[in-house]
Amino acid sequence: MFLLVLIGVELLETVKMYLTKKTVHVEVVFTVAMIAIARKVVILDIKEVPSLTLIGIGTIIMALSAGYYLLTIKLNRRKQGENG
């Protein structure tokens, strides 16, 4: 239940940011996606799910993690360029 509320809060923040600044922050979208997939993993019954589905969920987690990591690197470099 907590993760569902957290997803809702993050989505509301994204909508508020879009309405005020007319921009969507990709970092927030990645965060919502990672929370959603984490919620799916928590409520998952491994004994009833096919192995191919588990591989797919694992692939999604790896892709989201890699994307978030690369995005963080890019944002940090951009901040260093502005400050330096």
N, C-alpha and C. Protein backbone atom coordinates (compact mmCIF):
# COMPACT_ATOMS: atom_id res chain seq x y z
N MET A 1 0.81 -1.19 0.00
CA MET A 1 0.00 0.00 0.00
C MET A 1 0.87 1.26 0.00
N PHE A 2 1.97 1.21 0.76
CA PHE A 2 2.85 2.37 0.83
C PHE A 2 3.44 2.71 -0.53
N LEU A 3 3.85 1.70 -1.28
CA LEU A 3 4.45 1.95 -2.59
C LEU A 3 3.43 2.55 -3.55
N LEU A 4 2.18 2.14 -3.44
CA LEU A 4 1.13 2.70 -4.29
C LEU A 4 0.93 4.18 -3.99
N VAL A 5 0.96 4.55 -2.72
CA VAL A 5 0.84 5.96 -2.33
C VAL A 5 2.05 6.74 -2.83
N LEU A 6 3.23 6.14 -2.74
CA LEU A 6 4.45 6.80 -3.22
C LEU A 6 4.39 7.04 -4.73
N ILE A 7 3.87 6.08 -5.48
CA ILE A 7 3.70 6.25 -6.92
C ILE A 7 2.75 7.41 -7.20
N GLY A 8 1.65 7.47 -6.46
CA GLY A 8 0.69 8.56 -6.64
C GLY A 8 1.29 9.92 -6.35
N VAL A 9 2.08 10.01 -5.29
CA VAL A 9 2.72 11.28 -4.94
C VAL A 9 3.69 11.71 -6.04
N GLU A 10 4.48 10.77 -6.53
CA GLU A 10 5.44 11.10 -7.59
C GLU A 10 4.72 11.52 -8.87
N LEU A 11 3.63 10.86 -9.20
CA LEU A 11 2.88 11.24 -10.40
C LEU A 11 2.25 12.62 -10.25
N LEU A 12 1.74 12.92 -9.06
CA LEU A 12 1.19 14.25 -8.82
C LEU A 12 2.27 15.32 -8.94
N GLU A 13 3.46 15.01 -8.45
CA GLU A 13 4.59 15.95 -8.57
C GLU A 13 4.94 16.18 -10.03
N THR A 14 4.91 15.12 -10.83
CA THR A 14 5.20 15.25 -12.25
C THR A 14 4.16 16.11 -12.96
N VAL A 15 2.89 15.88 -12.66
CA VAL A 15 1.82 16.66 -13.28
C VAL A 15 1.92 18.13 -12.86
N LYS A 16 2.18 18.37 -11.57
CA LYS A 16 2.31 19.75 -11.08
C LYS A 16 3.47 20.46 -11.77
N MET A 17 4.60 19.76 -11.91
CA MET A 17 5.77 20.34 -12.55
C MET A 17 5.47 20.65 -14.02
N TYR A 18 4.74 19.75 -14.68
CA TYR A 18 4.41 19.98 -16.08
C TYR A 18 3.50 21.18 -16.23
N LEU A 19 2.51 21.30 -15.36
CA LEU A 19 1.56 22.40 -15.47
C LEU A 19 2.20 23.76 -15.15
N THR A 20 3.18 23.78 -14.26
CA THR A 20 3.80 25.06 -13.90
C THR A 20 4.93 25.44 -14.85
N LYS A 21 5.76 24.48 -15.24
CA LYS A 21 6.94 24.79 -16.05
C LYS A 21 6.87 24.28 -17.48
N LYS A 22 5.82 23.52 -17.82
CA LYS A 22 5.66 22.93 -19.15
C LYS A 22 6.83 22.03 -19.54
N THR A 23 7.45 21.40 -18.53
CA THR A 23 8.52 20.44 -18.79
C THR A 23 8.26 19.19 -17.97
N VAL A 24 8.76 18.08 -18.47
CA VAL A 24 8.68 16.82 -17.75
C VAL A 24 10.10 16.42 -17.39
N HIS A 25 10.36 16.21 -16.12
CA HIS A 25 11.69 15.79 -15.69
C HIS A 25 11.78 14.27 -15.82
N VAL A 26 12.71 13.83 -16.62
CA VAL A 26 12.86 12.41 -16.91
C VAL A 26 13.25 11.65 -15.65
N GLU A 27 13.98 12.31 -14.77
CA GLU A 27 14.40 11.67 -13.52
C GLU A 27 13.18 11.23 -12.69
N VAL A 28 12.15 12.04 -12.66
CA VAL A 28 10.94 11.70 -11.91
C VAL A 28 10.22 10.53 -12.58
N VAL A 29 10.21 10.52 -13.89
CA VAL A 29 9.56 9.42 -14.62
C VAL A 29 10.29 8.10 -14.34
N PHE A 30 11.62 8.14 -14.34
CA PHE A 30 12.39 6.94 -14.01
C PHE A 30 12.09 6.48 -12.59
N THR A 31 11.99 7.42 -11.66
CA THR A 31 11.71 7.08 -10.27
C THR A 31 10.35 6.40 -10.14
N VAL A 32 9.34 6.94 -10.80
CA VAL A 32 8.00 6.34 -10.75
C VAL A 32 8.03 4.94 -11.35
N ALA A 33 8.72 4.77 -12.46
CA ALA A 33 8.79 3.45 -13.09
C ALA A 33 9.49 2.44 -12.19
N MET A 34 10.57 2.86 -11.53
CA MET A 34 11.28 1.93 -10.65
C MET A 34 10.45 1.57 -9.43
N ILE A 35 9.71 2.54 -8.89
CA ILE A 35 8.83 2.24 -7.75
C ILE A 35 7.73 1.28 -8.18
N ALA A 36 7.18 1.50 -9.37
CA ALA A 36 6.11 0.63 -9.87
C ALA A 36 6.59 -0.80 -10.07
N ILE A 37 7.78 -0.97 -10.65
CA ILE A 37 8.28 -2.32 -10.87
C ILE A 37 8.67 -2.97 -9.55
N ALA A 38 9.15 -2.17 -8.59
CA ALA A 38 9.46 -2.72 -7.27
C ALA A 38 8.19 -3.20 -6.58
N ARG A 39 7.11 -2.45 -6.74
CA ARG A 39 5.82 -2.87 -6.18
C ARG A 39 5.37 -4.18 -6.81
N LYS A 40 5.56 -4.30 -8.10
CA LYS A 40 5.19 -5.53 -8.81
C LYS A 40 5.99 -6.72 -8.28
N VAL A 41 7.27 -6.51 -8.04
CA VAL A 41 8.12 -7.59 -7.55
C VAL A 41 7.70 -8.00 -6.13
N VAL A 42 7.33 -7.02 -5.31
CA VAL A 42 6.94 -7.32 -3.93
C VAL A 42 5.67 -8.16 -3.88
N ILE A 43 4.70 -7.86 -4.74
CA ILE A 43 3.42 -8.58 -4.69
C ILE A 43 3.41 -9.83 -5.58
N LEU A 44 4.51 -10.11 -6.23
CA LEU A 44 4.60 -11.22 -7.17
C LEU A 44 4.64 -12.56 -6.43
N ASP A 45 3.90 -13.54 -6.93
CA ASP A 45 3.95 -14.91 -6.41
C ASP A 45 4.81 -15.72 -7.37
N ILE A 46 6.03 -15.97 -6.97
CA ILE A 46 7.03 -16.57 -7.86
C ILE A 46 6.61 -17.97 -8.33
N LYS A 47 5.88 -18.70 -7.51
CA LYS A 47 5.50 -20.07 -7.87
C LYS A 47 4.47 -20.12 -9.00
N GLU A 48 3.72 -19.03 -9.19
CA GLU A 48 2.67 -19.03 -10.22
C GLU A 48 3.05 -18.26 -11.48
N VAL A 49 4.20 -17.63 -11.48
CA VAL A 49 4.61 -16.81 -12.62
C VAL A 49 5.59 -17.61 -13.49
N PRO A 50 5.38 -17.60 -14.81
CA PRO A 50 6.32 -18.31 -15.69
C PRO A 50 7.73 -17.71 -15.62
N SER A 51 8.70 -18.54 -15.89
CA SER A 51 10.09 -18.09 -15.79
C SER A 51 10.41 -16.99 -16.82
N LEU A 52 9.79 -17.03 -17.97
CA LEU A 52 10.03 -16.00 -18.98
C LEU A 52 9.56 -14.63 -18.49
N THR A 53 8.48 -14.60 -17.73
CA THR A 53 7.99 -13.35 -17.15
C THR A 53 8.99 -12.81 -16.14
N LEU A 54 9.57 -13.68 -15.33
CA LEU A 54 10.58 -13.26 -14.36
C LEU A 54 11.81 -12.70 -15.06
N ILE A 55 12.20 -13.32 -16.16
CA ILE A 55 13.33 -12.81 -16.93
C ILE A 55 13.00 -11.43 -17.50
N GLY A 56 11.78 -11.26 -17.97
CA GLY A 56 11.35 -9.96 -18.49
C GLY A 56 11.36 -8.88 -17.42
N ILE A 57 10.87 -9.21 -16.23
CA ILE A 57 10.88 -8.24 -15.14
C ILE A 57 12.31 -7.89 -14.75
N GLY A 58 13.17 -8.89 -14.71
CA GLY A 58 14.59 -8.63 -14.42
C GLY A 58 15.23 -7.73 -15.46
N THR A 59 14.88 -7.95 -16.73
CA THR A 59 15.41 -7.11 -17.81
C THR A 59 14.91 -5.67 -17.68
N ILE A 60 13.65 -5.50 -17.32
CA ILE A 60 13.12 -4.16 -17.12
C ILE A 60 13.84 -3.46 -15.98
N ILE A 61 14.08 -4.18 -14.89
CA ILE A 61 14.80 -3.59 -13.75
C ILE A 61 16.21 -3.17 -14.17
N MET A 62 16.90 -4.00 -14.90
CA MET A 62 18.25 -3.67 -15.35
C MET A 62 18.25 -2.47 -16.30
N ALA A 63 17.28 -2.42 -17.21
CA ALA A 63 17.20 -1.30 -18.16
C ALA A 63 16.89 0.01 -17.44
N LEU A 64 15.96 -0.02 -16.51
CA LEU A 64 15.63 1.19 -15.75
C LEU A 64 16.81 1.65 -14.90
N SER A 65 17.51 0.70 -14.30
CA SER A 65 18.68 1.05 -13.49
C SER A 65 19.78 1.67 -14.34
N ALA A 66 20.05 1.08 -15.49
CA ALA A 66 21.08 1.62 -16.37
C ALA A 66 20.68 3.00 -16.90
N GLY A 67 19.43 3.17 -17.27
CA GLY A 67 18.96 4.47 -17.74
C GLY A 67 19.05 5.53 -16.67
N TYR A 68 18.66 5.19 -15.45
CA TYR A 68 18.73 6.14 -14.35
C TYR A 68 20.18 6.51 -14.04
N TYR A 69 21.07 5.52 -14.09
CA TYR A 69 22.49 5.77 -13.85
C TYR A 69 23.06 6.71 -14.90
N LEU A 70 22.77 6.44 -16.17
CA LEU A 70 23.28 7.30 -17.24
C LEU A 70 22.69 8.71 -17.15
N LEU A 71 21.43 8.82 -16.79
CA LEU A 71 20.81 10.12 -16.63
C LEU A 71 21.46 10.90 -15.49
N THR A 72 21.74 10.22 -14.39
CA THR A 72 22.39 10.87 -13.26
C THR A 72 23.78 11.37 -13.63
N ILE A 73 24.53 10.58 -14.38
CA ILE A 73 25.86 11.00 -14.82
C ILE A 73 25.74 12.26 -15.68
N LYS A 74 24.80 12.27 -16.62
CA LYS A 74 24.63 13.42 -17.50
C LYS A 74 24.23 14.66 -16.72
N LEU A 75 23.31 14.53 -15.77
CA LEU A 75 22.87 15.68 -14.98
C LEU A 75 24.01 16.22 -14.12
N ASN A 76 24.83 15.32 -13.56
CA ASN A 76 25.96 15.77 -12.76
C ASN A 76 27.00 16.50 -13.60
N ARG A 77 27.26 16.01 -14.80
CA ARG A 77 28.21 16.70 -15.69
C ARG A 77 27.69 18.06 -16.10
N ARG A 78 26.39 18.15 -16.34
CA ARG A 78 25.79 19.43 -16.71
C ARG A 78 25.90 20.44 -15.56
N LYS A 79 25.67 19.98 -14.33
CA LYS A 79 25.79 20.86 -13.17
C LYS A 79 27.24 21.31 -12.97
N GLN A 80 28.18 20.41 -13.17
CA GLN A 80 29.59 20.77 -13.04
C GLN A 80 30.00 21.77 -14.10
N GLY A 81 29.45 21.63 -15.30
CA GLY A 81 29.75 22.57 -16.38
C GLY A 81 29.21 23.96 -16.09
N GLU A 82 28.07 24.03 -15.45
CA GLU A 82 27.47 25.33 -15.11
C GLU A 82 28.22 25.99 -13.97
N ASN A 83 28.74 25.18 -13.03
CA ASN A 83 29.45 25.72 -11.87
C ASN A 83 30.92 25.99 -12.16
N GLY A 84 31.48 25.26 -13.08
CA GLY A 84 32.91 25.33 -13.31
C GLY A 84 33.28 26.34 -14.30
